[in-house]
Amino acid sequence: MFGFMRKNKMSPQDAISGARDGSITVIDVREHGEVAASGKAAGALHIPLIRLRDMADSRHPDYHKSLNTKGKIAVYCASGARSMSAARTLRKLGYDDVHNIGGLGHWVQAGGALEAL
């Protein structure tokens, strides 16, 4: 569907519902300029792909404390390619339930709201 996914596939609609009820952490892995220009998915964390390895590693000083290796995570970028790489990175760091939901356009097409950075 939108890149490599393990376990149950997660659609953008599932990610929207999960973000709304707090059962899913959504991560935007686009660069700062992209997010500043278009906004990000409502409630999503913004962690650029280049910073993801550090910010998702609990041993690193820049670890983002909102991340949980046992929780569901949905990642997206502009088209789905970088988010596929992000999903692989997160899995290598021990995150089990990670899903690539594609690009920001998929989120919007599914009815997801946007917010400014």
N, C-alpha and C. Protein backbone atom coordinates (compact mmCIF):
# COMPACT_ATOMS: atom_id res chain seq x y z
N MET A 1 0.84 -1.19 0.00
CA MET A 1 0.00 0.00 0.00
C MET A 1 0.88 1.25 0.00
N PHE A 2 1.40 1.69 1.12
CA PHE A 2 2.29 2.85 1.19
C PHE A 2 3.63 2.42 1.74
N GLY A 3 4.33 1.57 1.04
CA GLY A 3 5.62 1.12 1.51
C GLY A 3 5.49 -0.13 2.36
N PHE A 4 6.59 -0.51 2.96
CA PHE A 4 6.68 -1.73 3.74
C PHE A 4 6.04 -1.56 5.11
N MET A 5 5.09 -2.43 5.45
CA MET A 5 4.43 -2.39 6.76
C MET A 5 4.42 -3.79 7.33
N ARG A 6 4.54 -3.89 8.64
CA ARG A 6 4.44 -5.17 9.32
C ARG A 6 3.16 -5.22 10.10
N LYS A 7 2.82 -6.43 10.54
CA LYS A 7 1.61 -6.66 11.33
C LYS A 7 0.40 -6.21 10.54
N ASN A 8 -0.58 -5.65 11.19
CA ASN A 8 -1.78 -5.17 10.50
C ASN A 8 -1.46 -3.87 9.78
N LYS A 9 -1.96 -3.74 8.58
CA LYS A 9 -1.74 -2.49 7.85
C LYS A 9 -2.58 -1.39 8.47
N MET A 10 -2.03 -0.21 8.52
CA MET A 10 -2.73 0.94 9.07
C MET A 10 -3.00 1.93 7.94
N SER A 11 -4.23 2.30 7.79
CA SER A 11 -4.60 3.28 6.78
C SER A 11 -4.46 4.68 7.38
N PRO A 12 -4.41 5.70 6.54
CA PRO A 12 -4.42 7.06 7.07
C PRO A 12 -5.65 7.32 7.95
N GLN A 13 -6.79 6.74 7.59
CA GLN A 13 -8.01 6.90 8.40
C GLN A 13 -7.81 6.33 9.80
N ASP A 14 -7.17 5.15 9.88
CA ASP A 14 -6.87 4.54 11.18
C ASP A 14 -5.94 5.44 12.00
N ALA A 15 -4.95 6.02 11.33
CA ALA A 15 -4.01 6.91 12.02
C ALA A 15 -4.72 8.15 12.54
N ILE A 16 -5.64 8.69 11.75
CA ILE A 16 -6.40 9.87 12.18
C ILE A 16 -7.21 9.54 13.43
N SER A 17 -7.91 8.42 13.40
CA SER A 17 -8.72 8.02 14.56
C SER A 17 -7.84 7.78 15.78
N GLY A 18 -6.73 7.08 15.58
CA GLY A 18 -5.82 6.79 16.69
C GLY A 18 -5.16 8.03 17.26
N ALA A 19 -4.81 8.97 16.38
CA ALA A 19 -4.23 10.23 16.87
C ALA A 19 -5.26 11.00 17.69
N ARG A 20 -6.49 10.96 17.23
CA ARG A 20 -7.57 11.67 17.91
C ARG A 20 -7.81 11.10 19.32
N ASP A 21 -7.78 9.75 19.45
CA ASP A 21 -8.07 9.15 20.76
C ASP A 21 -6.82 8.87 21.59
N GLY A 22 -5.65 9.21 21.03
CA GLY A 22 -4.41 9.07 21.78
C GLY A 22 -3.79 7.68 21.76
N SER A 23 -4.32 6.78 20.94
CA SER A 23 -3.78 5.42 20.91
C SER A 23 -2.62 5.25 19.92
N ILE A 24 -2.38 6.26 19.09
CA ILE A 24 -1.32 6.21 18.08
C ILE A 24 -0.52 7.50 18.14
N THR A 25 0.81 7.35 18.07
CA THR A 25 1.69 8.50 17.93
C THR A 25 1.99 8.68 16.45
N VAL A 26 1.71 9.85 15.93
CA VAL A 26 1.97 10.15 14.52
C VAL A 26 3.22 11.00 14.45
N ILE A 27 4.12 10.65 13.54
CA ILE A 27 5.39 11.38 13.37
C ILE A 27 5.52 11.85 11.93
N ASP A 28 5.76 13.15 11.78
CA ASP A 28 6.06 13.77 10.49
C ASP A 28 7.57 13.82 10.37
N VAL A 29 8.14 13.15 9.37
CA VAL A 29 9.59 13.08 9.23
C VAL A 29 10.14 14.02 8.15
N ARG A 30 9.31 14.96 7.69
CA ARG A 30 9.77 15.92 6.67
C ARG A 30 10.70 16.96 7.30
N GLU A 31 11.40 17.67 6.45
CA GLU A 31 12.30 18.74 6.89
C GLU A 31 11.50 19.93 7.42
N HIS A 32 12.16 20.73 8.24
CA HIS A 32 11.51 21.87 8.89
C HIS A 32 10.84 22.81 7.87
N GLY A 33 11.53 23.12 6.79
CA GLY A 33 10.97 24.03 5.79
C GLY A 33 9.70 23.51 5.15
N GLU A 34 9.63 22.21 4.94
CA GLU A 34 8.42 21.61 4.37
C GLU A 34 7.24 21.76 5.33
N VAL A 35 7.50 21.48 6.59
CA VAL A 35 6.43 21.57 7.59
C VAL A 35 6.01 23.02 7.80
N ALA A 36 6.98 23.93 7.80
CA ALA A 36 6.66 25.35 7.96
C ALA A 36 5.79 25.84 6.81
N ALA A 37 6.01 25.31 5.61
CA ALA A 37 5.26 25.75 4.43
C ALA A 37 3.84 25.19 4.37
N SER A 38 3.66 23.96 4.85
CA SER A 38 2.36 23.31 4.66
C SER A 38 1.62 22.97 5.95
N GLY A 39 2.30 23.04 7.07
CA GLY A 39 1.72 22.56 8.32
C GLY A 39 1.97 21.07 8.44
N LYS A 40 1.46 20.50 9.53
CA LYS A 40 1.64 19.07 9.77
C LYS A 40 0.31 18.48 10.21
N ALA A 41 0.25 17.18 10.25
CA ALA A 41 -0.96 16.49 10.71
C ALA A 41 -1.25 16.94 12.15
N ALA A 42 -2.50 17.22 12.42
CA ALA A 42 -2.89 17.66 13.76
C ALA A 42 -2.47 16.63 14.80
N GLY A 43 -1.73 17.10 15.79
CA GLY A 43 -1.28 16.24 16.87
C GLY A 43 0.00 15.48 16.60
N ALA A 44 0.54 15.58 15.38
CA ALA A 44 1.75 14.82 15.04
C ALA A 44 2.99 15.45 15.68
N LEU A 45 3.95 14.60 16.00
CA LEU A 45 5.27 15.07 16.39
C LEU A 45 6.02 15.39 15.11
N HIS A 46 6.86 16.41 15.14
CA HIS A 46 7.70 16.70 14.00
C HIS A 46 9.13 16.31 14.36
N ILE A 47 9.60 15.23 13.75
CA ILE A 47 10.98 14.77 13.95
C ILE A 47 11.56 14.51 12.57
N PRO A 48 12.36 15.43 12.03
CA PRO A 48 12.93 15.22 10.70
C PRO A 48 13.69 13.90 10.63
N LEU A 49 13.62 13.24 9.49
CA LEU A 49 14.27 11.95 9.31
C LEU A 49 15.73 11.97 9.74
N ILE A 50 16.44 13.04 9.42
CA ILE A 50 17.85 13.12 9.75
C ILE A 50 18.09 13.10 11.27
N ARG A 51 17.10 13.46 12.07
CA ARG A 51 17.22 13.49 13.54
C ARG A 51 16.54 12.30 14.21
N LEU A 52 15.83 11.49 13.44
CA LEU A 52 15.02 10.43 14.03
C LEU A 52 15.83 9.42 14.83
N ARG A 53 16.96 8.98 14.30
CA ARG A 53 17.77 7.97 14.99
C ARG A 53 18.12 8.43 16.41
N ASP A 54 18.54 9.66 16.57
CA ASP A 54 18.89 10.18 17.90
C ASP A 54 17.65 10.37 18.77
N MET A 55 16.63 10.98 18.21
CA MET A 55 15.46 11.35 19.01
C MET A 55 14.58 10.16 19.38
N ALA A 56 14.76 9.02 18.70
CA ALA A 56 13.99 7.83 19.01
C ALA A 56 14.78 6.82 19.85
N ASP A 57 16.03 7.13 20.13
CA ASP A 57 16.89 6.24 20.91
C ASP A 57 16.89 6.69 22.37
N SER A 58 16.33 5.88 23.24
CA SER A 58 16.19 6.26 24.65
C SER A 58 17.53 6.49 25.34
N ARG A 59 18.64 6.04 24.75
CA ARG A 59 19.97 6.24 25.34
C ARG A 59 20.58 7.58 24.93
N HIS A 60 20.00 8.23 23.97
CA HIS A 60 20.56 9.49 23.45
C HIS A 60 20.03 10.68 24.24
N PRO A 61 20.86 11.70 24.47
CA PRO A 61 20.40 12.87 25.22
C PRO A 61 19.26 13.64 24.55
N ASP A 62 19.08 13.50 23.24
CA ASP A 62 18.01 14.18 22.53
C ASP A 62 16.74 13.34 22.40
N TYR A 63 16.68 12.24 23.13
CA TYR A 63 15.52 11.34 23.07
C TYR A 63 14.22 12.11 23.32
N HIS A 64 13.24 11.85 22.47
CA HIS A 64 11.92 12.49 22.61
C HIS A 64 11.07 11.62 23.52
N LYS A 65 10.80 12.10 24.71
CA LYS A 65 10.14 11.30 25.73
C LYS A 65 8.69 10.91 25.40
N SER A 66 8.13 11.47 24.34
CA SER A 66 6.78 11.10 23.93
C SER A 66 6.74 9.76 23.18
N LEU A 67 7.91 9.25 22.83
CA LEU A 67 7.97 8.00 22.06
C LEU A 67 8.02 6.80 23.00
N ASN A 68 7.36 5.73 22.59
CA ASN A 68 7.27 4.53 23.39
C ASN A 68 7.46 3.33 22.48
N THR A 69 8.44 2.49 22.77
CA THR A 69 8.71 1.34 21.90
C THR A 69 7.55 0.35 21.86
N LYS A 70 6.68 0.39 22.82
CA LYS A 70 5.54 -0.54 22.87
C LYS A 70 4.27 0.04 22.26
N GLY A 71 4.24 1.33 21.96
CA GLY A 71 3.05 1.97 21.41
C GLY A 71 2.97 1.89 19.90
N LYS A 72 1.80 2.18 19.36
CA LYS A 72 1.60 2.23 17.91
C LYS A 72 2.12 3.56 17.39
N ILE A 73 2.85 3.48 16.28
CA ILE A 73 3.40 4.67 15.66
C ILE A 73 3.07 4.67 14.18
N ALA A 74 2.61 5.82 13.68
CA ALA A 74 2.37 6.02 12.26
C ALA A 74 3.31 7.12 11.79
N VAL A 75 4.04 6.88 10.71
CA VAL A 75 4.96 7.87 10.17
C VAL A 75 4.53 8.27 8.77
N TYR A 76 4.79 9.53 8.44
CA TYR A 76 4.52 10.01 7.09
C TYR A 76 5.55 11.05 6.72
N CYS A 77 5.63 11.33 5.42
CA CYS A 77 6.52 12.37 4.90
C CYS A 77 5.75 13.11 3.80
N ALA A 78 6.39 13.43 2.71
CA ALA A 78 5.70 14.10 1.61
C ALA A 78 5.03 13.09 0.68
N SER A 79 5.70 11.97 0.42
CA SER A 79 5.15 11.00 -0.53
C SER A 79 5.11 9.57 -0.02
N GLY A 80 5.89 9.25 1.00
CA GLY A 80 5.93 7.90 1.54
C GLY A 80 7.30 7.26 1.52
N ALA A 81 8.25 7.82 0.76
CA ALA A 81 9.58 7.21 0.66
C ALA A 81 10.40 7.41 1.94
N ARG A 82 10.48 8.64 2.43
CA ARG A 82 11.24 8.88 3.66
C ARG A 82 10.58 8.21 4.85
N SER A 83 9.26 8.16 4.86
CA SER A 83 8.58 7.51 5.98
C SER A 83 8.84 6.00 5.97
N MET A 84 9.07 5.42 4.81
CA MET A 84 9.43 4.00 4.76
C MET A 84 10.79 3.81 5.43
N SER A 85 11.73 4.69 5.15
CA SER A 85 13.04 4.65 5.79
C SER A 85 12.91 4.89 7.30
N ALA A 86 12.05 5.81 7.69
CA ALA A 86 11.83 6.11 9.11
C ALA A 86 11.27 4.89 9.83
N ALA A 87 10.34 4.19 9.20
CA ALA A 87 9.76 2.99 9.82
C ALA A 87 10.83 1.93 10.04
N ARG A 88 11.71 1.75 9.07
CA ARG A 88 12.81 0.79 9.23
C ARG A 88 13.72 1.19 10.39
N THR A 89 14.04 2.48 10.46
CA THR A 89 14.90 2.99 11.54
C THR A 89 14.27 2.72 12.90
N LEU A 90 12.99 3.03 13.03
CA LEU A 90 12.31 2.82 14.30
C LEU A 90 12.28 1.34 14.68
N ARG A 91 12.05 0.48 13.73
CA ARG A 91 12.04 -0.97 14.02
C ARG A 91 13.42 -1.43 14.49
N LYS A 92 14.48 -0.92 13.87
CA LYS A 92 15.84 -1.28 14.29
C LYS A 92 16.12 -0.82 15.72
N LEU A 93 15.45 0.24 16.14
CA LEU A 93 15.62 0.76 17.50
C LEU A 93 14.70 0.08 18.51
N GLY A 94 13.93 -0.91 18.06
CA GLY A 94 13.10 -1.68 18.98
C GLY A 94 11.64 -1.31 19.03
N TYR A 95 11.20 -0.42 18.17
CA TYR A 95 9.77 -0.08 18.10
C TYR A 95 9.08 -1.18 17.29
N ASP A 96 8.07 -1.79 17.88
CA ASP A 96 7.45 -2.97 17.27
C ASP A 96 6.30 -2.67 16.33
N ASP A 97 5.49 -1.69 16.66
CA ASP A 97 4.22 -1.47 15.95
C ASP A 97 4.29 -0.16 15.17
N VAL A 98 5.04 -0.17 14.06
CA VAL A 98 5.32 1.02 13.27
C VAL A 98 4.69 0.87 11.89
N HIS A 99 4.04 1.94 11.43
CA HIS A 99 3.35 1.90 10.14
C HIS A 99 3.66 3.14 9.32
N ASN A 100 3.95 2.92 8.04
CA ASN A 100 4.14 4.00 7.08
C ASN A 100 2.77 4.29 6.46
N ILE A 101 2.23 5.47 6.74
CA ILE A 101 0.91 5.80 6.18
C ILE A 101 1.03 6.65 4.92
N GLY A 102 2.24 6.80 4.40
CA GLY A 102 2.42 7.50 3.13
C GLY A 102 2.84 8.94 3.31
N GLY A 103 2.16 9.82 2.57
CA GLY A 103 2.49 11.23 2.58
C GLY A 103 1.42 12.07 3.24
N LEU A 104 1.75 13.32 3.46
CA LEU A 104 0.80 14.26 4.08
C LEU A 104 -0.49 14.33 3.25
N GLY A 105 -0.38 14.23 1.95
CA GLY A 105 -1.56 14.25 1.10
C GLY A 105 -2.52 13.11 1.40
N HIS A 106 -2.00 11.95 1.76
CA HIS A 106 -2.86 10.81 2.14
C HIS A 106 -3.64 11.15 3.42
N TRP A 107 -2.97 11.79 4.36
CA TRP A 107 -3.62 12.22 5.61
C TRP A 107 -4.77 13.18 5.30
N VAL A 108 -4.49 14.18 4.47
CA VAL A 108 -5.49 15.19 4.13
C VAL A 108 -6.65 14.55 3.35
N GLN A 109 -6.34 13.70 2.37
CA GLN A 109 -7.40 13.04 1.59
C GLN A 109 -8.31 12.18 2.46
N ALA A 110 -7.76 11.67 3.57
CA ALA A 110 -8.55 10.84 4.48
C ALA A 110 -9.36 11.68 5.48
N GLY A 111 -9.23 13.01 5.37
CA GLY A 111 -10.00 13.89 6.24
C GLY A 111 -9.26 14.38 7.46
N GLY A 112 -7.96 14.14 7.51
CA GLY A 112 -7.16 14.58 8.65
C GLY A 112 -6.93 16.08 8.65
N ALA A 113 -6.97 16.65 9.84
CA ALA A 113 -6.76 18.09 9.99
C ALA A 113 -5.26 18.40 9.99
N LEU A 114 -4.95 19.64 9.67
CA LEU A 114 -3.58 20.15 9.70
C LEU A 114 -3.45 21.20 10.79
N GLU A 115 -2.22 21.39 11.26
CA GLU A 115 -1.92 22.46 12.19
C GLU A 115 -0.56 23.04 11.84
N ALA A 116 -0.36 24.30 12.22
CA ALA A 116 0.92 24.95 11.97
C ALA A 116 1.96 24.38 12.92
N LEU A 117 3.20 24.46 12.48
CA LEU A 117 4.32 23.97 13.31
C LEU A 117 4.51 24.83 14.52
